[in-house]
C-alpha atoms as a PDB file:
ATOM      1  CA  MET A   1      60.483 104.936 108.017  1.00  0.00           C
ATOM      2  CA  SER A   2      60.485 102.553 105.063  1.00  0.00           C
ATOM      3  CA  ASP A   3      63.382 103.994 103.125  1.00  0.00           C
ATOM      4  CA  CYS A   4      65.701 104.522 106.085  1.00  0.00           C
ATOM      5  CA  LEU A   5      68.795 102.345 105.922  1.00  0.00           C
ATOM      6  CA  PHE A   6      69.130 101.971 109.645  1.00  0.00           C
ATOM      7  CA  CYS A   7      65.423 101.249 110.133  1.00  0.00           C
ATOM      8  CA  LYS A   8      65.888  98.347 107.641  1.00  0.00           C
ATOM      9  CA  ILE A   9      68.895  97.247 109.852  1.00  0.00           C
ATOM     10  CA  VAL A  10      66.686  97.358 113.005  1.00  0.00           C
ATOM     11  CA  ALA A  11      63.956  95.379 111.170  1.00  0.00           C
ATOM     12  CA  GLY A  12      66.591  92.747 110.004  1.00  0.00           C
ATOM     13  CA  GLU A  13      65.975  93.387 106.357  1.00  0.00           C
ATOM     14  CA  ILE A  14      69.699  94.413 105.952  1.00  0.00           C
ATOM     15  CA  PRO A  15      72.336  92.377 107.811  1.00  0.00           C
ATOM     16  CA  SER A  16      74.800  94.097 110.196  1.00  0.00           C
ATOM     17  CA  ASP A  17      77.697  92.950 112.295  1.00  0.00           C
ATOM     18  CA  ARG A  18      75.974  93.411 115.553  1.00  0.00           C
ATOM     19  CA  VAL A  19      77.938  93.621 118.773  1.00  0.00           C
ATOM     20  CA  TYR A  20      75.085  94.562 121.083  1.00  0.00           C
ATOM     21  CA  GLU A  21      71.300  94.963 121.071  1.00  0.00           C
ATOM     22  CA  ASP A  22      68.468  95.416 123.498  1.00  0.00           C
ATOM     23  CA  ASP A  23      64.847  96.729 123.415  1.00  0.00           C
ATOM     24  CA  LYS A  24      65.997 100.373 122.905  1.00  0.00           C
ATOM     25  CA  MET A  25      69.060 100.226 120.677  1.00  0.00           C
ATOM     26  CA  ILE A  26      71.381  98.247 118.339  1.00  0.00           C
ATOM     27  CA  VAL A  27      75.173  98.598 118.029  1.00  0.00           C
ATOM     28  CA  PHE A  28      77.056  97.327 114.977  1.00  0.00           C
ATOM     29  CA  LYS A  29      80.437  97.627 113.267  1.00  0.00           C
ATOM     30  CA  ASP A  30      80.611 100.372 110.729  1.00  0.00           C
ATOM     31  CA  ILE A  31      81.113  99.032 107.184  1.00  0.00           C
ATOM     32  CA  ASN A  32      83.655 101.885 106.464  1.00  0.00           C
ATOM     33  CA  PRO A  33      85.586 102.057 109.689  1.00  0.00           C
ATOM     34  CA  GLN A  34      87.550 105.207 110.408  1.00  0.00           C
ATOM     35  CA  ALA A  35      89.469 103.676 113.265  1.00  0.00           C
ATOM     36  CA  ASP A  36      90.518 100.338 114.557  1.00  0.00           C
ATOM     37  CA  VAL A  37      87.214 100.219 116.417  1.00  0.00           C
ATOM     38  CA  HIS A  38      84.321 101.987 114.841  1.00  0.00           C
ATOM     39  CA  LEU A  39      80.836 101.110 116.071  1.00  0.00           C
ATOM     40  CA  LEU A  40      77.522 102.688 115.402  1.00  0.00           C
ATOM     41  CA  ALA A  41      74.859 102.849 118.030  1.00  0.00           C
ATOM     42  CA  ILE A  42      71.398 103.527 116.811  1.00  0.00           C
ATOM     43  CA  PRO A  43      67.992 103.752 118.574  1.00  0.00           C
ATOM     44  CA  ARG A  44      65.452 101.169 117.423  1.00  0.00           C
ATOM     45  CA  ALA A  45      62.849 104.059 117.120  1.00  0.00           C
ATOM     46  CA  HIS A  46      63.375 106.375 114.069  1.00  0.00           C
ATOM     47  CA  ILE A  47      64.724 109.772 115.188  1.00  0.00           C
ATOM     48  CA  GLU A  48      65.989 111.722 112.216  1.00  0.00           C
ATOM     49  CA  SER A  49      68.844 113.652 113.990  1.00  0.00           C
ATOM     50  CA  LEU A  50      69.825 115.110 117.281  1.00  0.00           C
ATOM     51  CA  ASN A  51      67.747 118.167 116.213  1.00  0.00           C
ATOM     52  CA  GLU A  52      64.615 116.014 116.612  1.00  0.00           C
ATOM     53  CA  VAL A  53      65.384 114.739 120.087  1.00  0.00           C
ATOM     54  CA  SER A  54      62.772 115.931 122.587  1.00  0.00           C
ATOM     55  CA  GLU A  55      61.829 115.146 126.276  1.00  0.00           C
ATOM     56  CA  GLU A  56      60.024 112.021 125.099  1.00  0.00           C
ATOM     57  CA  HIS A  57      63.579 110.705 124.038  1.00  0.00           C
ATOM     58  CA  ASP A  58      65.340 111.306 127.254  1.00  0.00           C
ATOM     59  CA  GLU A  59      65.274 107.639 128.408  1.00  0.00           C
ATOM     60  CA  ILE A  60      66.568 106.244 125.119  1.00  0.00           C
ATOM     61  CA  MET A  61      69.290 108.977 124.900  1.00  0.00           C
ATOM     62  CA  ALA A  62      70.527 108.360 128.426  1.00  0.00           C
ATOM     63  CA  HIS A  63      70.346 104.575 127.851  1.00  0.00           C
ATOM     64  CA  MET A  64      72.503 104.894 124.682  1.00  0.00           C
ATOM     65  CA  ILE A  65      75.090 107.105 126.374  1.00  0.00           C
ATOM     66  CA  ARG A  66      75.335 104.874 129.406  1.00  0.00           C
ATOM     67  CA  GLN A  67      76.018 101.803 127.146  1.00  0.00           C
ATOM     68  CA  LEU A  68      79.029 103.492 125.209  1.00  0.00           C
ATOM     69  CA  PRO A  69      81.655 103.151 127.974  1.00  0.00           C
ATOM     70  CA  ARG A  70      80.817  99.452 128.691  1.00  0.00           C
ATOM     71  CA  LEU A  71      80.876  98.659 124.871  1.00  0.00           C
ATOM     72  CA  ALA A  72      84.164 100.571 124.510  1.00  0.00           C
ATOM     73  CA  LYS A  73      85.731  98.486 127.341  1.00  0.00           C
ATOM     74  CA  GLU A  74      84.424  95.237 125.717  1.00  0.00           C
ATOM     75  CA  GLN A  75      86.156  96.352 122.505  1.00  0.00           C
ATOM     76  CA  GLY A  76      89.446  96.793 124.376  1.00  0.00           C
ATOM     77  CA  LEU A  77      89.425 100.497 124.431  1.00  0.00           C
ATOM     78  CA  ASP A  78      90.742 100.820 127.990  1.00  0.00           C
ATOM     79  CA  ASP A  79      92.779 104.025 127.212  1.00  0.00           C
ATOM     80  CA  GLY A  80      89.692 105.955 126.006  1.00  0.00           C
ATOM     81  CA  PHE A  81      87.390 106.432 122.988  1.00  0.00           C
ATOM     82  CA  ARG A  82      85.687 109.206 120.974  1.00  0.00           C
ATOM     83  CA  THR A  83      81.956 109.586 120.647  1.00  0.00           C
ATOM     84  CA  ILE A  84      80.656 111.568 117.625  1.00  0.00           C
ATOM     85  CA  ILE A  85      76.981 112.515 116.621  1.00  0.00           C
ATOM     86  CA  ASN A  86      76.840 114.137 113.221  1.00  0.00           C
ATOM     87  CA  THR A  87      73.813 116.362 113.029  1.00  0.00           C
ATOM     88  CA  GLY A  88      72.282 117.618 109.668  1.00  0.00           C
ATOM     89  CA  LYS A  89      73.944 117.877 106.316  1.00  0.00           C
ATOM     90  CA  GLY A  90      76.217 120.598 107.466  1.00  0.00           C
ATOM     91  CA  GLY A  91      77.355 118.502 110.352  1.00  0.00           C
ATOM     92  CA  GLY A  92      78.358 115.601 108.096  1.00  0.00           C
ATOM     93  CA  GLN A  93      75.234 113.544 108.775  1.00  0.00           C
ATOM     94  CA  ILE A  94      74.734 111.106 105.769  1.00  0.00           C
ATOM     95  CA  ILE A  95      72.200 108.753 107.097  1.00  0.00           C
ATOM     96  CA  PHE A  96      69.193 110.560 108.617  1.00  0.00           C
ATOM     97  CA  HIS A  97      68.469 108.186 111.531  1.00  0.00           C
ATOM     98  CA  LEU A  98      70.199 109.369 114.693  1.00  0.00           C
ATOM     99  CA  HIS A  99      73.395 107.398 115.270  1.00  0.00           C
ATOM    100  CA  MET A 100      76.404 107.699 117.615  1.00  0.00           C
ATOM    101  CA  HIS A 101      79.833 106.817 116.379  1.00  0.00           C
ATOM    102  CA  LEU A 102      82.145 105.129 119.002  1.00  0.00           C
ATOM    103  CA  LEU A 103      85.718 105.228 117.810  1.00  0.00           C
ATOM    104  CA  GLY A 104      88.978 104.154 119.296  1.00  0.00           C
ATOM    105  CA  GLY A 105      92.244 102.395 118.916  1.00  0.00           C
ATOM    106  CA  ASN A 106      95.655 103.126 117.325  1.00  0.00           C
ATOM    107  CA  LYS A 107      94.268 104.525 114.075  1.00  0.00           C
ATOM    108  CA  LEU A 108      91.928 107.242 115.771  1.00  0.00           C
ATOM    109  CA  PRO A 109      91.828 110.130 113.413  1.00  0.00           C
ATOM    110  CA  GLY A 110      92.449 113.883 114.117  1.00  0.00           C
ATOM    111  CA  PHE A 111      90.569 116.258 116.632  1.00  0.00           C
ATOM    112  CA  HIS A 112      92.936 116.637 119.423  1.00  0.00           C
END
């Protein structure tokens, strides 16, 4: 999708502070972190939101979920971490390319 910020990051048109990438996903530091560690994991393929995930996305979704604990450990989040997927405007989604927030550290906000 040509006007999608995250598609432009995938294409290398917009720089990002990448911490991991493979053929299915890219993970980079959020430019407006809400915790000590705040990473965004995005699929390389454009999927607008969790509402659009179908059986054809099962492999990428499982792959992304499986990578998060390893990435959290690499970031020093040995005591745990939070994963958030905002879905739709009412769910707080601002960029309409599916993304998973991985947050952790001493400044982890609310929701207990």
